[in-house]
Amino acid sequence: MAVVKTEDSNFANDLAHDKVVVKYHADWCGSCKLFSPKFKRLSEDERFKDIVFLDVNAEQNPEARKLAGVDNLPFFATFSHGKLVEAKSTSKEDVFLDMLSKL
C-alpha cells in the first residue's frame, strides 16, 4: 500500500482503520528525510499489507501532532481504530519494525 499524506482536516477519518502507522516529519528534519525511503519501502512490503501508512507534516498539523504527543522528530505512532497504541521518536528501522509487529 502506498504512503498516504494526510493533515488535520482528515486525520480522524484516516485513523479509523484497524491498523495505522503515522510518520511525523518536518521539512527541515534531516533524519526524517533519511527515513522516508525506508517508510515507503515498508509500506509496500507484503508483511504489512494490512497496515495503513500515513505521513504528516508535524509543523503544519498541530491537532495530529497533539494526538500522538509528538515531542521530537522523526516521530512514529501506531493506532488501532483511532486509538493510540504506541508512540516514539526514532530513526532506527529495527525500532520502527518492532512497533509494526505490535499492531
N, C-alpha and C. Protein backbone atom coordinates (compact mmCIF):
# COMPACT_ATOMS: atom_id res chain seq x y z
N MET A 1 0.84 -1.18 0.00
CA MET A 1 0.00 0.00 0.00
C MET A 1 0.89 1.24 0.00
N ALA A 2 0.49 2.24 -0.70
CA ALA A 2 1.27 3.47 -0.78
C ALA A 2 1.14 4.29 0.50
N VAL A 3 2.11 5.15 0.72
CA VAL A 3 2.06 6.08 1.85
C VAL A 3 1.04 7.17 1.52
N VAL A 4 0.17 7.47 2.47
CA VAL A 4 -0.86 8.49 2.28
C VAL A 4 -0.48 9.73 3.07
N LYS A 5 -0.37 10.86 2.38
CA LYS A 5 -0.12 12.13 3.07
C LYS A 5 -1.46 12.62 3.61
N THR A 6 -1.45 13.02 4.86
CA THR A 6 -2.69 13.46 5.49
C THR A 6 -2.45 14.73 6.29
N GLU A 7 -3.54 15.35 6.71
CA GLU A 7 -3.45 16.58 7.50
C GLU A 7 -4.59 16.63 8.50
N ASP A 8 -4.60 17.64 9.34
CA ASP A 8 -5.58 17.74 10.41
C ASP A 8 -7.02 17.56 9.93
N SER A 9 -7.35 18.14 8.78
CA SER A 9 -8.73 18.14 8.31
C SER A 9 -9.31 16.74 8.07
N ASN A 10 -8.49 15.76 7.76
CA ASN A 10 -9.00 14.41 7.53
C ASN A 10 -8.26 13.35 8.35
N PHE A 11 -7.51 13.78 9.36
CA PHE A 11 -6.71 12.85 10.15
C PHE A 11 -7.58 11.83 10.89
N ALA A 12 -8.66 12.25 11.51
CA ALA A 12 -9.53 11.34 12.26
C ALA A 12 -10.09 10.25 11.35
N ASN A 13 -10.49 10.61 10.15
CA ASN A 13 -11.00 9.61 9.21
C ASN A 13 -9.92 8.62 8.81
N ASP A 14 -8.70 9.11 8.61
CA ASP A 14 -7.60 8.24 8.22
C ASP A 14 -7.21 7.27 9.33
N LEU A 15 -7.46 7.65 10.59
CA LEU A 15 -7.12 6.79 11.73
C LEU A 15 -8.18 5.72 11.99
N ALA A 16 -9.30 5.79 11.32
CA ALA A 16 -10.42 4.89 11.62
C ALA A 16 -10.18 3.44 11.20
N HIS A 17 -9.09 3.15 10.56
CA HIS A 17 -8.77 1.80 10.12
C HIS A 17 -8.31 0.93 11.30
N ASP A 18 -8.27 -0.37 11.06
CA ASP A 18 -7.87 -1.33 12.07
C ASP A 18 -6.43 -1.11 12.53
N LYS A 19 -5.52 -0.95 11.56
CA LYS A 19 -4.10 -0.79 11.88
C LYS A 19 -3.53 0.38 11.08
N VAL A 20 -2.96 1.34 11.80
CA VAL A 20 -2.42 2.55 11.17
C VAL A 20 -1.08 2.90 11.81
N VAL A 21 -0.12 3.28 10.97
CA VAL A 21 1.13 3.83 11.48
C VAL A 21 1.31 5.21 10.87
N VAL A 22 1.74 6.16 11.70
CA VAL A 22 1.91 7.54 11.26
C VAL A 22 3.36 7.96 11.43
N LYS A 23 3.90 8.56 10.37
CA LYS A 23 5.25 9.15 10.45
C LYS A 23 5.06 10.66 10.50
N TYR A 24 5.55 11.27 11.56
CA TYR A 24 5.52 12.72 11.71
C TYR A 24 6.88 13.27 11.30
N HIS A 25 6.87 14.29 10.48
CA HIS A 25 8.12 14.85 9.98
C HIS A 25 8.01 16.38 9.88
N ALA A 26 9.12 17.00 9.54
CA ALA A 26 9.17 18.43 9.23
C ALA A 26 10.11 18.60 8.04
N ASP A 27 9.88 19.62 7.26
CA ASP A 27 10.69 19.85 6.06
C ASP A 27 12.18 20.05 6.39
N TRP A 28 12.49 20.60 7.55
CA TRP A 28 13.87 20.90 7.92
C TRP A 28 14.59 19.70 8.55
N CYS A 29 13.87 18.61 8.83
CA CYS A 29 14.40 17.47 9.58
C CYS A 29 15.18 16.51 8.68
N GLY A 30 16.48 16.50 8.81
CA GLY A 30 17.33 15.63 8.00
C GLY A 30 17.08 14.15 8.25
N SER A 31 16.93 13.76 9.52
CA SER A 31 16.66 12.36 9.84
C SER A 31 15.32 11.90 9.28
N CYS A 32 14.37 12.82 9.23
CA CYS A 32 13.05 12.50 8.65
C CYS A 32 13.20 12.18 7.17
N LYS A 33 14.00 13.00 6.49
CA LYS A 33 14.22 12.79 5.05
C LYS A 33 14.94 11.47 4.79
N LEU A 34 15.88 11.12 5.66
CA LEU A 34 16.62 9.87 5.50
C LEU A 34 15.72 8.65 5.74
N PHE A 35 14.72 8.78 6.60
CA PHE A 35 13.85 7.65 6.89
C PHE A 35 12.74 7.48 5.85
N SER A 36 12.42 8.51 5.11
CA SER A 36 11.31 8.46 4.15
C SER A 36 11.38 7.29 3.17
N PRO A 37 12.54 7.00 2.55
CA PRO A 37 12.59 5.85 1.64
C PRO A 37 12.32 4.52 2.34
N LYS A 38 12.76 4.38 3.59
CA LYS A 38 12.51 3.16 4.36
C LYS A 38 11.01 3.02 4.63
N PHE A 39 10.39 4.13 5.02
CA PHE A 39 8.96 4.15 5.30
C PHE A 39 8.17 3.73 4.06
N LYS A 40 8.55 4.28 2.91
CA LYS A 40 7.88 3.94 1.65
C LYS A 40 8.08 2.46 1.31
N ARG A 41 9.31 1.98 1.45
CA ARG A 41 9.62 0.58 1.15
C ARG A 41 8.80 -0.35 2.04
N LEU A 42 8.73 -0.05 3.33
CA LEU A 42 8.00 -0.90 4.26
C LEU A 42 6.49 -0.84 4.01
N SER A 43 6.00 0.30 3.53
CA SER A 43 4.56 0.40 3.22
C SER A 43 4.17 -0.52 2.07
N GLU A 44 5.15 -0.87 1.24
CA GLU A 44 4.90 -1.76 0.10
C GLU A 44 5.28 -3.21 0.39
N ASP A 45 5.78 -3.47 1.58
CA ASP A 45 6.19 -4.82 1.99
C ASP A 45 4.94 -5.67 2.25
N GLU A 46 4.92 -6.85 1.69
CA GLU A 46 3.79 -7.77 1.81
C GLU A 46 3.44 -8.08 3.27
N ARG A 47 4.43 -8.10 4.14
CA ARG A 47 4.18 -8.39 5.56
C ARG A 47 3.25 -7.37 6.21
N PHE A 48 3.23 -6.15 5.68
CA PHE A 48 2.49 -5.06 6.30
C PHE A 48 1.32 -4.58 5.45
N LYS A 49 0.82 -5.46 4.59
CA LYS A 49 -0.23 -5.05 3.64
C LYS A 49 -1.53 -4.65 4.33
N ASP A 50 -1.73 -5.07 5.58
CA ASP A 50 -2.95 -4.72 6.29
C ASP A 50 -2.81 -3.47 7.16
N ILE A 51 -1.67 -2.78 7.04
CA ILE A 51 -1.42 -1.56 7.82
C ILE A 51 -1.48 -0.35 6.89
N VAL A 52 -2.20 0.69 7.32
CA VAL A 52 -2.26 1.95 6.58
C VAL A 52 -1.08 2.82 7.04
N PHE A 53 -0.28 3.29 6.10
CA PHE A 53 0.88 4.14 6.38
C PHE A 53 0.53 5.59 6.07
N LEU A 54 0.56 6.44 7.11
CA LEU A 54 0.24 7.86 6.94
C LEU A 54 1.48 8.71 7.17
N ASP A 55 1.55 9.82 6.46
CA ASP A 55 2.67 10.76 6.56
C ASP A 55 2.08 12.12 6.91
N VAL A 56 2.57 12.73 8.00
CA VAL A 56 2.03 14.00 8.49
C VAL A 56 3.16 15.00 8.72
N ASN A 57 2.99 16.20 8.19
CA ASN A 57 3.93 17.28 8.49
C ASN A 57 3.55 17.81 9.88
N ALA A 58 4.40 17.56 10.85
CA ALA A 58 4.11 17.90 12.24
C ALA A 58 3.97 19.40 12.47
N GLU A 59 4.68 20.20 11.71
CA GLU A 59 4.61 21.65 11.90
C GLU A 59 3.31 22.25 11.37
N GLN A 60 2.75 21.65 10.35
CA GLN A 60 1.55 22.19 9.73
C GLN A 60 0.26 21.57 10.25
N ASN A 61 0.36 20.57 11.12
CA ASN A 61 -0.82 19.85 11.60
C ASN A 61 -0.77 19.65 13.11
N PRO A 62 -1.05 20.71 13.86
CA PRO A 62 -0.92 20.65 15.33
C PRO A 62 -1.88 19.67 16.01
N GLU A 63 -3.06 19.47 15.46
CA GLU A 63 -4.01 18.54 16.08
C GLU A 63 -3.52 17.10 15.96
N ALA A 64 -3.03 16.73 14.80
CA ALA A 64 -2.48 15.38 14.61
C ALA A 64 -1.26 15.18 15.50
N ARG A 65 -0.45 16.21 15.61
CA ARG A 65 0.76 16.15 16.45
C ARG A 65 0.38 15.96 17.91
N LYS A 66 -0.62 16.70 18.37
CA LYS A 66 -1.04 16.63 19.77
C LYS A 66 -1.63 15.26 20.11
N LEU A 67 -2.34 14.66 19.18
CA LEU A 67 -2.99 13.37 19.41
C LEU A 67 -1.97 12.28 19.75
N ALA A 68 -0.77 12.37 19.20
CA ALA A 68 0.25 11.35 19.46
C ALA A 68 1.29 11.82 20.47
N GLY A 69 1.24 13.08 20.89
CA GLY A 69 2.23 13.59 21.84
C GLY A 69 3.61 13.74 21.24
N VAL A 70 3.67 14.20 20.00
CA VAL A 70 4.95 14.36 19.31
C VAL A 70 5.84 15.34 20.06
N ASP A 71 7.05 14.89 20.41
CA ASP A 71 7.98 15.75 21.14
C ASP A 71 9.36 15.84 20.48
N ASN A 72 9.56 15.10 19.40
CA ASN A 72 10.83 15.10 18.69
C ASN A 72 10.57 14.50 17.31
N LEU A 73 11.48 14.72 16.38
CA LEU A 73 11.30 14.20 15.02
C LEU A 73 12.53 13.43 14.57
N PRO A 74 12.39 12.42 13.73
CA PRO A 74 11.12 11.85 13.28
C PRO A 74 10.40 11.14 14.43
N PHE A 75 9.11 11.08 14.31
CA PHE A 75 8.27 10.51 15.36
C PHE A 75 7.26 9.58 14.71
N PHE A 76 7.04 8.43 15.33
CA PHE A 76 6.13 7.43 14.79
C PHE A 76 5.08 7.08 15.83
N ALA A 77 3.87 6.86 15.35
CA ALA A 77 2.78 6.45 16.24
C ALA A 77 1.96 5.38 15.55
N THR A 78 1.55 4.39 16.33
CA THR A 78 0.66 3.36 15.80
C THR A 78 -0.70 3.53 16.45
N PHE A 79 -1.74 3.30 15.64
CA PHE A 79 -3.12 3.44 16.10
C PHE A 79 -3.91 2.22 15.67
N SER A 80 -4.92 1.89 16.46
CA SER A 80 -5.87 0.85 16.09
C SER A 80 -7.27 1.40 16.32
N HIS A 81 -8.05 1.47 15.25
CA HIS A 81 -9.41 2.02 15.30
C HIS A 81 -9.43 3.40 15.95
N GLY A 82 -8.46 4.23 15.62
CA GLY A 82 -8.41 5.60 16.11
C GLY A 82 -7.78 5.79 17.48
N LYS A 83 -7.43 4.72 18.15
CA LYS A 83 -6.83 4.80 19.49
C LYS A 83 -5.32 4.61 19.40
N LEU A 84 -4.59 5.46 20.11
CA LEU A 84 -3.14 5.38 20.13
C LEU A 84 -2.69 4.08 20.80
N VAL A 85 -1.80 3.34 20.13
CA VAL A 85 -1.25 2.10 20.66
C VAL A 85 0.14 2.35 21.23
N GLU A 86 0.99 3.00 20.42
CA GLU A 86 2.38 3.24 20.83
C GLU A 86 2.90 4.46 20.08
N ALA A 87 3.81 5.20 20.71
CA ALA A 87 4.39 6.37 20.07
C ALA A 87 5.82 6.55 20.55
N LYS A 88 6.72 6.83 19.58
CA LYS A 88 8.11 7.09 19.98
C LYS A 88 8.86 7.81 18.87
N SER A 89 9.86 8.50 19.30
CA SER A 89 10.77 9.20 18.38
C SER A 89 11.95 8.28 18.12
N THR A 90 12.19 8.00 16.84
CA THR A 90 13.32 7.14 16.48
C THR A 90 13.68 7.34 15.02
N SER A 91 14.89 7.01 14.68
CA SER A 91 15.28 6.98 13.28
C SER A 91 15.87 5.61 12.95
N LYS A 92 15.63 4.65 13.85
CA LYS A 92 16.15 3.30 13.67
C LYS A 92 15.07 2.38 13.12
N GLU A 93 15.38 1.72 12.02
CA GLU A 93 14.40 0.85 11.36
C GLU A 93 13.97 -0.30 12.25
N ASP A 94 14.89 -0.88 13.03
CA ASP A 94 14.51 -2.02 13.87
C ASP A 94 13.51 -1.63 14.96
N VAL A 95 13.63 -0.42 15.49
CA VAL A 95 12.67 0.07 16.49
C VAL A 95 11.31 0.26 15.83
N PHE A 96 11.31 0.81 14.63
CA PHE A 96 10.08 1.01 13.88
C PHE A 96 9.42 -0.33 13.55
N LEU A 97 10.21 -1.32 13.13
CA LEU A 97 9.68 -2.65 12.82
C LEU A 97 9.07 -3.30 14.07
N ASP A 98 9.66 -3.06 15.21
CA ASP A 98 9.11 -3.59 16.46
C ASP A 98 7.73 -2.99 16.74
N MET A 99 7.58 -1.71 16.45
CA MET A 99 6.28 -1.05 16.62
C MET A 99 5.24 -1.68 15.69
N LEU A 100 5.63 -1.93 14.45
CA LEU A 100 4.70 -2.55 13.50
C LEU A 100 4.29 -3.95 13.94
N SER A 101 5.23 -4.68 14.51
CA SER A 101 4.93 -6.05 14.93
C SER A 101 3.92 -6.11 16.08
N LYS A 102 3.79 -5.02 16.82
CA LYS A 102 2.88 -4.99 17.97
C LYS A 102 1.45 -4.60 17.56
N LEU A 103 1.28 -4.19 16.31
CA LEU A 103 -0.06 -3.79 15.86
C LEU A 103 -0.97 -4.99 15.67
